[in-house]
Amino acid sequence: QVQLEESGGGLVQAGDSLSLSCVATSLRTFTTEVLGWFRQAPGREREFVAAISWSGTSFNYDDSVKGRFTISRDNAKKAVYLHMNCLKPDDTGVYYCAAAAGTIWYTTPERWPYWGQGTQVTVSS
């Protein structure tokens, strides 16, 4: 059974930085999986944030986070990271990492079969 476990969430102020980590266990094909981050704010649908190719050389970001967030991965550690700068209150939500045998252009949750349990990020104004 595939397991993804996120960590690094917390409460920060607007303008601060925060880094999230996600480690995969029992995902045999980790190095060939596309990895991504999604978030869900209260009362809203889960939305795409960023994705990274299996090689770590191609990226896709939602327009709302371009220039502020950076996604990266370490295949040796079976980990994916999301470094967030210049955080805004609108960035508040539960952040989920996801894995798929697909492309970085998958931006809808239903295209991603593997999910972590999520980590809360709260940005105060």
C-alpha atoms as a PDB file:
ATOM      1  CA  GLN A   1       0.000   0.000   0.000  1.00  0.00           C
ATOM      2  CA  VAL A   2       1.335   3.379  -0.981  1.00  0.00           C
ATOM      3  CA  GLN A   3       1.826   5.882   1.796  1.00  0.00           C
ATOM      4  CA  LEU A   4       2.763   9.529   1.519  1.00  0.00           C
ATOM      5  CA  GLU A   5       3.432  11.494   4.674  1.00  0.00           C
ATOM      6  CA  GLU A   6       3.655  15.280   4.786  1.00  0.00           C
ATOM      7  CA  SER A   7       5.310  17.417   7.433  1.00  0.00           C
ATOM      8  CA  GLY A   8       6.328  21.015   7.985  1.00  0.00           C
ATOM      9  CA  GLY A   9       3.033  22.831   8.235  1.00  0.00           C
ATOM     10  CA  GLY A  10       2.378  25.479  10.826  1.00  0.00           C
ATOM     11  CA  LEU A  11       1.194  28.970  11.674  1.00  0.00           C
ATOM     12  CA  VAL A  12       3.131  31.844  10.101  1.00  0.00           C
ATOM     13  CA  GLN A  13       2.614  35.514   9.378  1.00  0.00           C
ATOM     14  CA  ALA A  14       2.065  37.055   5.977  1.00  0.00           C
ATOM     15  CA  GLY A  15       5.375  37.504   4.195  1.00  0.00           C
ATOM     16  CA  ASP A  16       7.043  34.610   5.986  1.00  0.00           C
ATOM     17  CA  SER A  17       8.495  31.461   4.434  1.00  0.00           C
ATOM     18  CA  LEU A  18       7.706  27.835   5.153  1.00  0.00           C
ATOM     19  CA  SER A  19       8.895  24.531   3.744  1.00  0.00           C
ATOM     20  CA  LEU A  20       6.866  21.346   3.466  1.00  0.00           C
ATOM     21  CA  SER A  21       8.229  17.841   3.053  1.00  0.00           C
ATOM     22  CA  CYS A  22       6.622  14.622   1.909  1.00  0.00           C
ATOM     23  CA  VAL A  23       8.164  11.178   2.136  1.00  0.00           C
ATOM     24  CA  ALA A  24       6.855   8.171   0.255  1.00  0.00           C
ATOM     25  CA  THR A  25       6.867   4.673   1.639  1.00  0.00           C
ATOM     26  CA  SER A  26       5.907   1.519  -0.184  1.00  0.00           C
ATOM     27  CA  LEU A  27       5.895   3.342  -3.514  1.00  0.00           C
ATOM     28  CA  ARG A  28       8.133   1.098  -5.581  1.00  0.00           C
ATOM     29  CA  THR A  29       7.988   3.280  -8.652  1.00  0.00           C
ATOM     30  CA  PHE A  30       8.769   6.533  -6.832  1.00  0.00           C
ATOM     31  CA  THR A  31      11.514   7.521  -9.223  1.00  0.00           C
ATOM     32  CA  THR A  32       9.160   7.344 -12.207  1.00  0.00           C
ATOM     33  CA  GLU A  33       6.202   9.010 -10.575  1.00  0.00           C
ATOM     34  CA  VAL A  34       5.208  12.608 -11.094  1.00  0.00           C
ATOM     35  CA  LEU A  35       4.852  14.311  -7.722  1.00  0.00           C
ATOM     36  CA  GLY A  36       2.651  17.211  -6.840  1.00  0.00           C
ATOM     37  CA  TRP A  37       1.240  19.436  -4.150  1.00  0.00           C
ATOM     38  CA  PHE A  38      -2.396  20.438  -3.738  1.00  0.00           C
ATOM     39  CA  ARG A  39      -4.144  22.496  -1.102  1.00  0.00           C
ATOM     40  CA  GLN A  40      -7.644  22.824   0.236  1.00  0.00           C
ATOM     41  CA  ALA A  41      -9.034  25.804   2.098  1.00  0.00           C
ATOM     42  CA  PRO A  42     -12.171  25.508   4.259  1.00  0.00           C
ATOM     43  CA  GLY A  43     -15.284  25.420   2.122  1.00  0.00           C
ATOM     44  CA  ARG A  44     -13.317  25.168  -1.106  1.00  0.00           C
ATOM     45  CA  GLU A  45     -12.352  22.385  -3.446  1.00  0.00           C
ATOM     46  CA  ARG A  46      -8.895  20.885  -3.461  1.00  0.00           C
ATOM     47  CA  GLU A  47      -6.736  22.845  -5.888  1.00  0.00           C
ATOM     48  CA  PHE A  48      -3.491  22.250  -7.714  1.00  0.00           C
ATOM     49  CA  VAL A  49      -0.379  24.033  -6.475  1.00  0.00           C
ATOM     50  CA  ALA A  50       2.667  22.544  -8.197  1.00  0.00           C
ATOM     51  CA  ALA A  51       4.037  19.414  -9.850  1.00  0.00           C
ATOM     52  CA  ILE A  52       7.491  18.083 -10.697  1.00  0.00           C
ATOM     53  CA  SER A  53       8.561  15.480 -13.222  1.00  0.00           C
ATOM     54  CA  TRP A  54      10.225  12.206 -12.273  1.00  0.00           C
ATOM     55  CA  SER A  55      13.599  13.612 -13.370  1.00  0.00           C
ATOM     56  CA  GLY A  56      13.141  16.791 -11.348  1.00  0.00           C
ATOM     57  CA  THR A  57      13.797  18.978 -14.382  1.00  0.00           C
ATOM     58  CA  SER A  58      10.269  19.957 -15.407  1.00  0.00           C
ATOM     59  CA  PHE A  59       7.816  21.916 -13.317  1.00  0.00           C
ATOM     60  CA  ASN A  60       4.263  23.180 -13.393  1.00  0.00           C
ATOM     61  CA  TYR A  61       2.943  25.844 -11.029  1.00  0.00           C
ATOM     62  CA  ASP A  62      -0.445  27.368 -10.528  1.00  0.00           C
ATOM     63  CA  ASP A  63      -0.406  31.044 -11.426  1.00  0.00           C
ATOM     64  CA  SER A  64      -1.255  32.000  -7.845  1.00  0.00           C
ATOM     65  CA  VAL A  65       2.084  30.644  -6.548  1.00  0.00           C
ATOM     66  CA  LYS A  66       4.450  31.273  -9.472  1.00  0.00           C
ATOM     67  CA  GLY A  67       7.552  33.105  -8.345  1.00  0.00           C
ATOM     68  CA  ARG A  68       6.829  32.417  -4.673  1.00  0.00           C
ATOM     69  CA  PHE A  69       6.763  28.616  -4.348  1.00  0.00           C
ATOM     70  CA  THR A  70       9.401  26.098  -5.426  1.00  0.00           C
ATOM     71  CA  ILE A  71       8.861  22.369  -5.758  1.00  0.00           C
ATOM     72  CA  SER A  72      11.790  19.939  -5.652  1.00  0.00           C
ATOM     73  CA  ARG A  73      12.405  16.260  -5.112  1.00  0.00           C
ATOM     74  CA  ASP A  74      15.098  13.895  -3.898  1.00  0.00           C
ATOM     75  CA  ASN A  75      14.598  10.462  -5.427  1.00  0.00           C
ATOM     76  CA  ALA A  76      17.245   8.881  -3.215  1.00  0.00           C
ATOM     77  CA  LYS A  77      15.223   9.913  -0.161  1.00  0.00           C
ATOM     78  CA  LYS A  78      11.859   9.317  -1.857  1.00  0.00           C
ATOM     79  CA  ALA A  79      10.921  12.844  -0.885  1.00  0.00           C
ATOM     80  CA  VAL A  80       9.274  15.872  -2.430  1.00  0.00           C
ATOM     81  CA  TYR A  81       9.439  19.365  -1.029  1.00  0.00           C
ATOM     82  CA  LEU A  82       7.541  22.619  -1.346  1.00  0.00           C
ATOM     83  CA  HIS A  83       9.346  25.770  -0.334  1.00  0.00           C
ATOM     84  CA  MET A  84       6.969  28.693   0.071  1.00  0.00           C
ATOM     85  CA  ASN A  85       8.062  32.321   0.179  1.00  0.00           C
ATOM     86  CA  CYS A  86       6.098  35.544   0.634  1.00  0.00           C
ATOM     87  CA  LEU A  87       3.167  33.691   2.083  1.00  0.00           C
ATOM     88  CA  LYS A  88      -0.265  35.314   1.966  1.00  0.00           C
ATOM     89  CA  PRO A  89      -3.427  34.669   3.993  1.00  0.00           C
ATOM     90  CA  ASP A  90      -4.946  33.207   0.797  1.00  0.00           C
ATOM     91  CA  ASP A  91      -2.314  30.456   0.972  1.00  0.00           C
ATOM     92  CA  THR A  92      -3.976  29.088   4.093  1.00  0.00           C
ATOM     93  CA  GLY A  93      -5.219  25.529   3.824  1.00  0.00           C
ATOM     94  CA  VAL A  94      -4.405  21.875   4.206  1.00  0.00           C
ATOM     95  CA  TYR A  95      -1.538  20.967   1.890  1.00  0.00           C
ATOM     96  CA  TYR A  96      -1.439  17.501   0.375  1.00  0.00           C
ATOM     97  CA  CYS A  97       1.301  15.784  -1.563  1.00  0.00           C
ATOM     98  CA  ALA A  98       0.286  13.434  -4.351  1.00  0.00           C
ATOM     99  CA  ALA A  99       1.853  10.985  -6.771  1.00  0.00           C
ATOM    100  CA  ALA A 100       0.794   9.802 -10.200  1.00  0.00           C
ATOM    101  CA  ALA A 101       2.135   7.853 -13.141  1.00  0.00           C
ATOM    102  CA  GLY A 102       1.344  10.739 -15.438  1.00  0.00           C
ATOM    103  CA  THR A 103       2.537  14.212 -16.367  1.00  0.00           C
ATOM    104  CA  ILE A 104       3.143  17.485 -14.598  1.00  0.00           C
ATOM    105  CA  TRP A 105       0.140  18.882 -16.471  1.00  0.00           C
ATOM    106  CA  TYR A 106      -2.320  16.869 -14.393  1.00  0.00           C
ATOM    107  CA  THR A 107      -3.979  19.633 -12.384  1.00  0.00           C
ATOM    108  CA  THR A 108      -7.182  17.971 -11.269  1.00  0.00           C
ATOM    109  CA  PRO A 109      -7.196  15.821  -8.116  1.00  0.00           C
ATOM    110  CA  GLU A 110      -8.902  12.862  -9.785  1.00  0.00           C
ATOM    111  CA  ARG A 111      -5.828  12.310 -11.992  1.00  0.00           C
ATOM    112  CA  TRP A 112      -3.697  11.609  -8.911  1.00  0.00           C
ATOM    113  CA  PRO A 113      -4.241   8.192  -7.273  1.00  0.00           C
ATOM    114  CA  TYR A 114      -1.875   8.501  -4.300  1.00  0.00           C
ATOM    115  CA  TRP A 115      -2.306  11.045  -1.496  1.00  0.00           C
ATOM    116  CA  GLY A 116      -0.875  11.967   1.846  1.00  0.00           C
ATOM    117  CA  GLN A 117      -3.012  12.837   4.851  1.00  0.00           C
ATOM    118  CA  GLY A 118      -2.250  16.560   4.596  1.00  0.00           C
ATOM    119  CA  THR A 119      -0.553  19.174   6.728  1.00  0.00           C
ATOM    120  CA  GLN A 120      -2.120  22.446   7.861  1.00  0.00           C
ATOM    121  CA  VAL A 121      -0.642  25.770   6.779  1.00  0.00           C
ATOM    122  CA  THR A 122      -2.127  28.900   8.324  1.00  0.00           C
ATOM    123  CA  VAL A 123      -0.993  32.364   7.283  1.00  0.00           C
ATOM    124  CA  SER A 124      -2.125  35.209   9.482  1.00  0.00           C
ATOM    125  CA  SER A 125      -2.425  38.770   8.205  1.00  0.00           C
END
